[in-house]
Amino acid sequence: MAQFDEHPPGMPCWVDLMSTDVGAAKQFYGEIFGWSFDDVEDNGQVVYALASLKGRHAAGLMQQNEEQRAQGMPPMWNTHIAVTDADATVAKAGELGGTTIMPPMDVMDAGRMAVLTDPTGAAFCVWQPREHKGAQIANEPGTWGWSELDTRDTDAAAAFYEKLFGWKPTVNTAEMGGMSYTEFKLNDTTTAGMMNMPPMVPAEVPPYWLNYFVVDDADGTIGAVTSRGGSVLAPAMDLPIGRIAVLTDPQGAAFAIIQLGASAS
């Protein structure tokens, strides 16, 4: 079991879902990944659901607000990156060509966050932890295991994240079946991945961060997803690192699954 008490600055630390129907999403992901949920309230209103596995926080779920729905914002999984100072990170991102979608704000006593886009248009979050340090369990079946940037300008993205977080890009083709793939590293620790946007993605879809969840059985998980109203965006395929697929939940939020190969598990 991979358990965490904190995440170093510059490392992806948390994933959460912004959904049009949190109640339905809780049922779906609870059945798919075995999650249980604890609702977080503010002034008597449920504002967030913490998903847990084996008694440790694995991910979060929240309901879109009326303004987000009116703007046509799609349901999505968000990637959060740990920082020591959210305000300073947002200012630096702006200097590097990033855009602020949501300025830094305090999330009760949990931490301080902001939502940005990189210069290629991919949205991500920064998280300055206080009480909530991030995922307490990851990299095992039923939990988040990897975050990957899919973009149409890998050079611009690599330069941005290297200057913002210190990530060093390294091209790795061995684990991706000969396909060009970038691994970001921070102090020799792999942080995230990056690849060119797949050609089947429509031109109107902006670059995005895709979150992978580890499973024991990729094909069985695909069947469980589709039988519960989800869909398959990219069918299962085998790579040296494992068997992967890209799916959506019944509300349309995209996520990936990976059944790790023997060499990676």
Protein backbone atom coordinates (compact mmCIF):
# COMPACT_ATOMS: atom_id res chain seq x y z
CA MET A 1 0.00 0.00 0.00
CA ALA A 2 1.31 3.46 -0.92
CA GLN A 3 0.39 5.82 1.92
CA PHE A 4 1.29 9.49 2.26
CA ASP A 5 1.22 12.04 5.05
CA GLU A 6 2.32 14.94 2.82
CA HIS A 7 3.56 15.75 -0.67
CA PRO A 8 6.65 17.84 -1.47
CA PRO A 9 6.18 21.18 -3.25
CA GLY A 10 6.12 20.71 -7.00
CA MET A 11 4.57 17.24 -6.86
CA PRO A 12 1.01 16.42 -7.98
CA CYS A 13 -0.76 15.86 -4.68
CA TRP A 14 -4.51 15.49 -5.22
CA VAL A 15 -7.22 14.86 -7.79
CA ASP A 16 -10.84 15.83 -7.61
CA LEU A 17 -13.93 15.66 -9.77
CA MET A 18 -16.17 18.57 -10.66
CA SER A 19 -19.48 16.91 -11.57
CA THR A 20 -22.95 17.91 -12.66
CA ASP A 21 -24.39 15.23 -10.33
CA VAL A 22 -22.27 14.42 -7.30
CA GLY A 23 -24.80 11.97 -5.92
CA ALA A 24 -24.69 9.87 -9.07
CA ALA A 25 -20.90 10.22 -9.28
CA LYS A 26 -20.49 8.97 -5.70
CA GLN A 27 -22.52 5.87 -6.49
CA PHE A 28 -20.62 5.24 -9.74
CA TYR A 29 -17.09 5.63 -8.38
CA GLY A 30 -17.98 3.91 -5.14
CA GLU A 31 -18.98 0.83 -7.11
CA ILE A 32 -16.07 1.04 -9.57
CA PHE A 33 -13.22 1.75 -7.13
CA GLY A 34 -14.66 0.69 -3.77
CA TRP A 35 -14.65 4.22 -2.36
CA SER A 36 -16.59 5.39 0.67
CA PHE A 37 -17.42 9.07 1.16
CA ASP A 38 -17.45 11.70 3.88
CA ASP A 39 -19.27 14.94 3.12
CA VAL A 40 -17.64 18.24 4.08
CA GLU A 41 -20.10 20.95 5.12
CA ASP A 42 -19.79 24.73 5.26
CA ASN A 43 -22.58 26.67 6.99
CA GLY A 44 -24.76 23.58 6.85
CA GLN A 45 -24.28 23.04 3.13
CA VAL A 46 -22.43 20.06 1.66
CA VAL A 47 -19.58 21.57 -0.38
CA TYR A 48 -17.27 18.62 -0.97
CA ALA A 49 -17.14 14.84 -0.70
CA LEU A 50 -13.92 13.15 0.37
CA ALA A 51 -13.51 9.71 -1.18
CA SER A 52 -11.65 7.18 0.94
CA LEU A 53 -10.21 3.71 0.46
CA LYS A 54 -9.01 1.64 3.41
CA GLY A 55 -9.75 4.59 5.65
CA ARG A 56 -7.47 7.02 3.82
CA HIS A 57 -8.39 9.93 1.54
CA ALA A 58 -8.01 9.03 -2.14
CA ALA A 59 -9.82 11.79 -4.10
CA GLY A 60 -12.50 14.46 -3.90
CA LEU A 61 -15.84 15.19 -5.58
CA MET A 62 -17.73 18.46 -5.81
CA GLN A 63 -20.86 19.79 -7.49
CA GLN A 64 -20.66 22.36 -10.28
CA ASN A 65 -22.26 25.65 -9.33
CA GLU A 66 -24.88 27.47 -11.38
CA GLU A 67 -22.36 29.85 -12.95
CA GLN A 68 -20.16 26.98 -14.11
CA ARG A 69 -23.14 25.18 -15.61
CA ALA A 70 -24.31 28.36 -17.34
CA GLN A 71 -20.85 28.75 -18.88
CA GLY A 72 -21.07 25.24 -20.28
CA MET A 73 -18.12 23.96 -18.24
CA PRO A 74 -17.92 20.18 -18.74
CA PRO A 75 -17.58 17.71 -15.87
CA MET A 76 -13.87 17.05 -15.32
CA TRP A 77 -11.19 15.56 -13.12
CA ASN A 78 -8.74 18.17 -11.83
CA THR A 79 -5.03 17.74 -11.09
CA HIS A 80 -3.63 19.64 -8.06
CA ILE A 81 0.07 20.40 -7.65
CA ALA A 82 1.50 21.15 -4.21
CA VAL A 83 3.09 24.57 -3.67
CA THR A 84 4.39 26.50 -0.68
CA ASP A 85 2.77 29.79 -1.73
CA ALA A 86 -0.26 29.76 -4.02
CA ASP A 87 -0.21 33.53 -4.57
CA ALA A 88 3.45 33.60 -5.57
CA THR A 89 2.95 30.61 -7.89
CA VAL A 90 0.02 32.29 -9.63
CA ALA A 91 2.04 35.47 -10.12
CA LYS A 92 4.96 33.52 -11.56
CA ALA A 93 2.67 31.51 -13.84
CA GLY A 94 1.33 34.76 -15.27
CA GLU A 95 4.85 35.95 -16.02
CA LEU A 96 5.47 32.67 -17.86
CA GLY A 97 2.38 32.96 -20.08
CA GLY A 98 -0.15 31.13 -17.95
CA THR A 99 -3.68 32.37 -17.29
CA THR A 100 -5.54 32.60 -13.99
CA ILE A 101 -8.99 31.00 -14.15
CA MET A 102 -9.69 31.25 -10.43
CA PRO A 103 -7.45 33.46 -8.26
CA PRO A 104 -6.05 32.14 -4.97
CA MET A 105 -8.71 31.47 -2.37
CA ASP A 106 -8.80 29.87 1.05
CA VAL A 107 -10.69 26.57 1.26
CA MET A 108 -11.79 26.80 4.90
CA ASP A 109 -8.86 25.47 6.95
CA ALA A 110 -7.93 22.82 4.38
CA GLY A 111 -5.58 24.96 2.28
CA ARG A 112 -5.32 27.68 -0.34
CA MET A 113 -5.85 26.97 -4.02
CA ALA A 114 -6.02 28.52 -7.47
CA VAL A 115 -6.94 27.32 -10.94
CA LEU A 116 -4.69 28.16 -13.89
CA THR A 117 -4.11 27.25 -17.50
CA ASP A 118 -0.68 26.75 -18.97
CA PRO A 119 0.29 28.60 -22.19
CA THR A 120 -1.10 25.73 -24.30
CA GLY A 121 -4.53 25.96 -22.65
CA ALA A 122 -4.49 23.00 -20.23
CA ALA A 123 -6.14 23.69 -16.86
CA PHE A 124 -4.58 22.64 -13.56
CA CYS A 125 -4.81 23.58 -9.88
CA VAL A 126 -2.19 24.61 -7.36
CA TRP A 127 -2.65 23.63 -3.73
CA GLN A 128 -0.99 25.24 -0.72
CA PRO A 129 -1.77 22.71 2.00
CA ARG A 130 -2.86 23.45 5.52
CA GLU A 131 -5.00 20.80 7.22
CA HIS A 132 -5.49 18.84 4.00
CA LYS A 133 -2.12 17.64 2.71
CA GLY A 134 -3.41 15.76 -0.35
CA ALA A 135 -3.93 12.11 -1.20
CA GLN A 136 -3.23 9.78 1.72
CA ILE A 137 -3.29 6.68 -0.47
CA ALA A 138 -2.29 6.30 -4.13
CA ASN A 139 -0.61 4.05 -6.67
CA GLU A 140 -2.60 0.96 -5.80
CA PRO A 141 -5.83 -0.56 -7.15
CA GLY A 142 -8.78 1.77 -6.59
CA THR A 143 -6.65 4.90 -6.30
CA TRP A 144 -5.10 7.62 -8.43
CA GLY A 145 -1.75 6.60 -9.86
CA TRP A 146 -0.63 9.03 -12.56
CA SER A 147 -1.36 12.42 -14.16
CA GLU A 148 -0.61 13.13 -17.81
CA LEU A 149 -0.72 16.31 -19.85
CA ASP A 150 -2.08 15.92 -23.39
CA THR A 151 -1.22 19.03 -25.40
CA ARG A 152 -0.61 20.22 -28.95
CA ASP A 153 2.60 22.06 -28.03
CA THR A 154 4.84 19.91 -25.86
CA ASP A 155 7.81 22.27 -26.19
CA ALA A 156 5.90 25.27 -24.84
CA ALA A 157 4.36 23.19 -22.05
CA ALA A 158 7.70 21.68 -21.04
CA ALA A 159 9.32 25.11 -20.81
CA PHE A 160 6.44 26.45 -18.69
CA TYR A 161 6.36 23.63 -16.14
CA GLU A 162 10.13 23.51 -15.86
CA LYS A 163 10.29 27.20 -15.00
CA LEU A 164 7.22 27.10 -12.73
CA PHE A 165 7.84 23.91 -10.77
CA GLY A 166 11.38 22.87 -11.67
CA TRP A 167 10.20 19.83 -13.62
CA LYS A 168 12.87 18.42 -15.92
CA PRO A 169 11.45 16.86 -19.10
CA THR A 170 12.87 13.51 -20.22
CA VAL A 171 11.66 11.74 -23.35
CA ASN A 172 10.96 8.05 -22.70
CA THR A 173 9.81 5.75 -25.50
CA ALA A 174 10.50 2.35 -23.94
CA GLU A 175 7.45 2.23 -21.64
CA MET A 176 5.11 3.60 -24.33
CA GLY A 177 5.74 1.07 -27.08
CA GLY A 178 8.01 3.37 -29.10
CA MET A 179 5.69 6.38 -28.93
CA SER A 180 7.36 9.65 -27.92
CA TYR A 181 6.45 10.34 -24.32
CA THR A 182 7.80 12.91 -21.86
CA GLU A 183 8.31 12.18 -18.20
CA PHE A 184 8.72 15.16 -15.91
CA LYS A 185 11.13 14.74 -13.01
CA LEU A 186 11.70 16.80 -9.91
CA ASN A 187 14.97 16.06 -8.09
CA ASP A 188 15.15 12.70 -9.90
CA THR A 189 11.61 11.76 -8.84
CA THR A 190 9.12 11.25 -11.64
CA THR A 191 6.21 13.64 -11.19
CA ALA A 192 3.94 13.40 -14.26
CA GLY A 193 3.82 12.64 -17.97
CA MET A 194 3.17 14.51 -21.20
CA MET A 195 2.35 13.53 -24.77
CA ASN A 196 1.12 15.07 -27.97
CA MET A 197 -2.66 15.24 -28.21
CA PRO A 198 -3.93 12.03 -29.83
CA PRO A 199 -5.06 12.61 -33.42
CA MET A 200 -8.57 11.33 -32.74
CA VAL A 201 -9.26 14.19 -30.32
CA PRO A 202 -11.44 16.84 -32.04
CA ALA A 203 -9.74 20.16 -32.78
CA GLU A 204 -12.15 22.06 -30.53
CA VAL A 205 -11.06 20.08 -27.45
CA PRO A 206 -8.42 22.08 -25.56
CA PRO A 207 -5.29 20.49 -24.08
CA TYR A 208 -6.04 18.74 -20.80
CA TRP A 209 -4.61 16.91 -17.81
CA LEU A 210 -5.76 13.27 -17.70
CA ASN A 211 -5.75 11.34 -14.44
CA TYR A 212 -5.12 7.58 -14.32
CA PHE A 213 -6.54 5.25 -11.68
CA VAL A 214 -4.91 1.92 -10.95
CA VAL A 215 -7.04 -1.22 -11.34
CA ASP A 216 -6.47 -4.96 -10.97
CA ASP A 217 -8.37 -5.84 -14.14
CA ALA A 218 -8.64 -3.26 -16.94
CA ASP A 219 -11.13 -5.21 -19.03
CA GLY A 220 -13.30 -6.01 -16.04
CA THR A 221 -13.28 -2.35 -15.03
CA ILE A 222 -14.30 -1.29 -18.55
CA GLY A 223 -17.23 -3.67 -18.37
CA ALA A 224 -18.22 -2.30 -14.96
CA VAL A 225 -18.01 1.28 -16.26
CA THR A 226 -20.09 0.70 -19.39
CA SER A 227 -22.71 -1.33 -17.52
CA ARG A 228 -23.21 1.64 -15.19
CA GLY A 229 -23.66 4.26 -17.92
CA GLY A 230 -20.06 5.24 -18.58
CA SER A 231 -18.41 5.05 -21.98
CA VAL A 232 -15.11 4.19 -23.65
CA LEU A 233 -13.13 7.02 -25.25
CA ALA A 234 -10.03 4.96 -26.06
CA PRO A 235 -10.27 1.15 -25.91
CA ALA A 236 -7.90 -0.92 -23.86
CA MET A 237 -4.39 -1.27 -25.24
CA ASP A 238 -1.27 -2.98 -23.98
CA LEU A 239 1.94 -1.07 -23.38
CA PRO A 240 5.13 -2.18 -21.66
CA ILE A 241 4.04 -0.37 -18.49
CA GLY A 242 0.61 -2.03 -18.45
CA ARG A 243 -2.88 -2.15 -19.97
CA ILE A 244 -4.63 1.21 -20.25
CA ALA A 245 -7.94 2.67 -21.42
CA VAL A 246 -9.62 6.09 -21.37
CA LEU A 247 -13.21 6.21 -20.15
CA THR A 248 -15.92 8.62 -19.09
CA ASP A 249 -18.29 8.46 -16.16
CA PRO A 250 -22.07 8.76 -16.80
CA GLN A 251 -21.89 12.57 -16.51
CA GLY A 252 -19.12 12.77 -19.13
CA ALA A 253 -15.96 13.34 -17.05
CA ALA A 254 -12.95 11.64 -18.65
CA PHE A 255 -10.50 9.51 -16.71
CA ALA A 256 -8.04 6.75 -17.51
CA ILE A 257 -7.35 3.38 -15.94
CA ILE A 258 -4.16 1.35 -15.86
CA GLN A 259 -3.58 -2.27 -14.98
CA LEU A 260 0.11 -2.22 -14.21
CA GLY A 261 2.37 -4.74 -15.88
CA ALA A 262 4.55 -7.08 -13.89
CA SER A 263 7.59 -4.82 -14.26
CA ALA A 264 5.72 -1.76 -12.95
CA SER A 265 3.58 -3.27 -10.20
